[in-house]
Amino acid sequence: MGIITELGNIWVKANSAIIVQNYLRQKEPDLSPQASKEMSKICINKCWEIYPDVFNGTFEQRPHKIITALVGMVQVLNSTERDNQSFKLIFLATINLYRDILTNDVSSIFSNIDYKMIEMMAPILEDEIADFENKSKEIADKINTLSVANENEDIHHSEKQKEIAKRIKIFKDRYVV
């Protein structure tokens, strides 16, 4: 790899890492600069790890820095255990970036390789979204079940309280003058 290619890699990685950091900090303002820097570095390096020829620019133009950020975040999300503390943060930041890409008019800044990468990332991200929605529904169902159980328990306690109050009244009527 030539020095020009390596300098290009450094430039794209740095600019893409800033995008990842901004989206992470947007979702978690209290995230330390060091933590966001480390997480963004992991995301961006994932691009070169999984698709080295694409991100080195071997086949054609390199992907745009926004797409590089998206691909890295999706790949880290895809390889992170769902119970990992970072998963939720990366998931929410990735969703925001993806939404921004889809809703803003970016046709003038993206090339064919960018659209190909979006096309490749979409099914992965949509699977993650579906899993998240299913988990959310399961959690909501459990909360509803617990709420109904608590309501039933409250009704049961209320009936017991009424019964105890009756017994106290009967006791007072009989034994208290």
Protein backbone atom coordinates (compact mmCIF):
# COMPACT_ATOMS: atom_id res chain seq x y z
CA MET A 1 0.00 0.00 0.00
CA GLY A 2 1.41 3.35 -1.01
CA ILE A 3 1.85 6.40 1.15
CA ILE A 4 -0.92 8.24 -0.74
CA THR A 5 -3.37 5.41 -0.07
CA GLU A 6 -2.39 5.30 3.59
CA LEU A 7 -2.80 9.08 3.95
CA GLY A 8 -6.21 8.76 2.28
CA ASN A 9 -7.16 6.04 4.76
CA ILE A 10 -6.13 8.21 7.70
CA TRP A 11 -8.09 11.18 6.32
CA VAL A 12 -11.29 9.17 5.71
CA LYS A 13 -11.01 7.36 9.06
CA ALA A 14 -10.58 10.63 10.96
CA ASN A 15 -13.52 12.34 9.26
CA SER A 16 -15.76 9.30 9.58
CA ALA A 17 -14.83 8.86 13.25
CA ILE A 18 -16.00 12.41 13.96
CA ILE A 19 -19.40 11.57 12.50
CA VAL A 20 -19.66 8.44 14.68
CA GLN A 21 -18.60 10.42 17.76
CA ASN A 22 -21.22 13.09 17.06
CA TYR A 23 -24.02 10.55 16.75
CA LEU A 24 -22.91 8.70 19.88
CA ARG A 25 -22.71 11.91 21.89
CA GLN A 26 -26.08 13.01 20.51
CA LYS A 27 -27.65 9.93 22.10
CA GLU A 28 -25.51 9.97 25.24
CA PRO A 29 -24.39 13.53 26.06
CA ASP A 30 -22.58 12.33 29.20
CA LEU A 31 -20.39 9.95 27.21
CA SER A 32 -16.80 10.94 27.81
CA PRO A 33 -14.76 12.20 24.85
CA GLN A 34 -12.35 9.31 25.37
CA ALA A 35 -15.14 6.71 25.31
CA SER A 36 -16.73 8.18 22.18
CA LYS A 37 -13.32 8.33 20.52
CA GLU A 38 -12.63 4.66 21.34
CA MET A 39 -16.07 3.52 20.20
CA SER A 40 -15.79 5.47 16.95
CA LYS A 41 -12.33 4.06 16.29
CA ILE A 42 -13.67 0.53 16.70
CA CYS A 43 -16.55 1.29 14.31
CA ILE A 44 -14.37 2.81 11.61
CA ASN A 45 -11.68 0.14 11.83
CA LYS A 46 -14.43 -2.47 11.33
CA CYS A 47 -14.91 -1.09 7.78
CA TRP A 48 -11.30 -1.77 6.83
CA GLU A 49 -11.40 -5.13 8.61
CA ILE A 50 -14.46 -6.41 6.76
CA TYR A 51 -14.24 -4.57 3.42
CA PRO A 52 -10.57 -3.55 3.00
CA ASP A 53 -10.62 -3.23 -0.78
CA VAL A 54 -13.75 -1.10 -0.76
CA PHE A 55 -12.49 1.34 1.86
CA ASN A 56 -8.94 1.46 0.51
CA GLY A 57 -10.46 2.58 -2.80
CA THR A 58 -9.07 -0.42 -4.68
CA PHE A 59 -12.12 -0.99 -6.90
CA GLU A 60 -13.38 2.53 -7.36
CA GLN A 61 -13.96 5.70 -5.43
CA ARG A 62 -13.96 5.30 -1.65
CA PRO A 63 -17.30 5.46 0.15
CA HIS A 64 -18.32 8.86 1.51
CA LYS A 65 -17.39 9.54 5.15
CA ILE A 66 -21.07 9.38 6.17
CA ILE A 67 -21.42 5.95 4.58
CA THR A 68 -18.15 4.84 6.15
CA ALA A 69 -19.57 5.85 9.54
CA LEU A 70 -22.82 3.98 8.84
CA VAL A 71 -21.10 0.80 7.66
CA GLY A 72 -18.79 0.76 10.67
CA MET A 73 -21.63 1.31 13.11
CA VAL A 74 -23.82 -1.35 11.49
CA GLN A 75 -20.99 -3.88 11.50
CA VAL A 76 -20.15 -3.22 15.16
CA LEU A 77 -23.84 -3.42 16.01
CA ASN A 78 -24.10 -6.70 14.13
CA SER A 79 -21.15 -8.18 16.04
CA THR A 80 -22.08 -6.86 19.51
CA GLU A 81 -24.00 -8.97 22.00
CA ARG A 82 -27.39 -7.44 22.72
CA ASP A 83 -26.80 -7.53 26.46
CA ASN A 84 -23.56 -5.56 26.06
CA GLN A 85 -23.80 -2.08 27.63
CA SER A 86 -22.72 -0.40 24.39
CA PHE A 87 -25.33 -2.13 22.22
CA LYS A 88 -28.22 0.23 23.01
CA LEU A 89 -26.10 3.34 22.46
CA ILE A 90 -24.67 2.10 19.17
CA PHE A 91 -28.11 0.92 18.08
CA LEU A 92 -29.79 4.26 18.74
CA ALA A 93 -26.96 6.27 17.19
CA THR A 94 -26.98 4.03 14.10
CA ILE A 95 -30.74 4.38 13.71
CA ASN A 96 -30.41 8.16 13.81
CA LEU A 97 -27.63 8.19 11.22
CA TYR A 98 -29.56 5.80 8.95
CA ARG A 99 -32.70 7.92 9.29
CA ASP A 100 -30.74 11.07 8.44
CA ILE A 101 -29.27 9.42 5.35
CA LEU A 102 -32.68 8.26 4.16
CA THR A 103 -34.54 11.51 4.87
CA ASN A 104 -32.02 14.11 3.70
CA ASP A 105 -31.40 14.83 0.05
CA VAL A 106 -27.95 13.29 -0.36
CA SER A 107 -28.16 12.24 -3.98
CA SER A 108 -25.64 14.88 -5.00
CA ILE A 109 -22.92 13.76 -2.58
CA PHE A 110 -23.14 9.99 -2.84
CA SER A 111 -21.59 7.82 -5.52
CA ASN A 112 -22.53 4.35 -6.77
CA ILE A 113 -20.36 2.70 -4.13
CA ASP A 114 -22.23 4.63 -1.42
CA TYR A 115 -25.58 3.37 -2.67
CA LYS A 116 -24.20 -0.17 -2.89
CA MET A 117 -23.03 0.04 0.73
CA ILE A 118 -26.42 1.39 1.89
CA GLU A 119 -28.07 -1.46 0.03
CA MET A 120 -25.79 -3.96 1.79
CA MET A 121 -26.32 -2.44 5.25
CA ALA A 122 -30.10 -2.01 5.03
CA PRO A 123 -31.07 -5.68 5.61
CA ILE A 124 -28.66 -6.00 8.54
CA LEU A 125 -29.99 -2.85 10.17
CA GLU A 126 -33.60 -3.72 9.46
CA ASP A 127 -33.07 -7.12 11.13
CA GLU A 128 -31.64 -5.35 14.19
CA ILE A 129 -34.64 -2.99 14.23
CA ALA A 130 -37.06 -5.92 13.99
CA ASP A 131 -35.27 -7.72 16.85
CA PHE A 132 -35.39 -4.55 18.93
CA GLU A 133 -39.11 -4.09 18.24
CA ASN A 134 -39.79 -7.73 19.17
CA LYS A 135 -37.83 -7.37 22.42
CA SER A 136 -39.66 -4.11 23.15
CA LYS A 137 -43.00 -5.83 22.58
CA GLU A 138 -41.98 -8.72 24.86
CA ILE A 139 -40.98 -6.25 27.57
CA ALA A 140 -44.21 -4.29 27.13
CA ASP A 141 -46.21 -7.53 27.38
CA LYS A 142 -44.37 -8.49 30.58
CA ILE A 143 -45.02 -5.03 32.05
CA ASN A 144 -48.72 -5.31 31.15
CA THR A 145 -48.87 -8.77 32.73
CA LEU A 146 -47.24 -7.45 35.90
CA SER A 147 -49.59 -4.44 35.94
CA VAL A 148 -52.66 -6.71 35.67
CA ALA A 149 -51.23 -8.95 38.41
CA ASN A 150 -50.64 -5.90 40.62
CA GLU A 151 -54.18 -4.65 39.98
CA ASN A 152 -55.58 -8.08 40.88
CA GLU A 153 -53.39 -8.12 43.97
CA ASP A 154 -54.57 -4.62 44.91
CA ILE A 155 -58.20 -5.74 44.55
CA HIS A 156 -57.44 -8.80 46.67
CA HIS A 157 -55.73 -6.62 49.32
CA SER A 158 -58.65 -4.21 49.24
CA GLU A 159 -61.11 -7.05 49.88
CA LYS A 160 -58.92 -8.35 52.72
CA GLN A 161 -58.76 -4.85 54.22
CA LYS A 162 -62.57 -4.62 54.11
CA GLU A 163 -62.85 -8.04 55.76
CA ILE A 164 -60.40 -7.05 58.50
CA ALA A 165 -62.26 -3.78 59.04
CA LYS A 166 -65.52 -5.76 59.47
CA ARG A 167 -63.91 -8.08 62.01
CA ILE A 168 -62.52 -5.14 63.96
CA LYS A 169 -65.98 -3.52 64.01
CA ILE A 170 -67.59 -6.78 65.17
CA PHE A 171 -64.90 -7.15 67.84
CA LYS A 172 -65.44 -3.56 69.02
CA ASP A 173 -69.20 -4.01 69.06
CA ARG A 174 -68.95 -7.15 71.17
CA TYR A 175 -66.13 -6.38 73.54
CA VAL A 176 -65.63 -2.65 73.71
CA VAL A 177 -68.07 -0.70 75.77
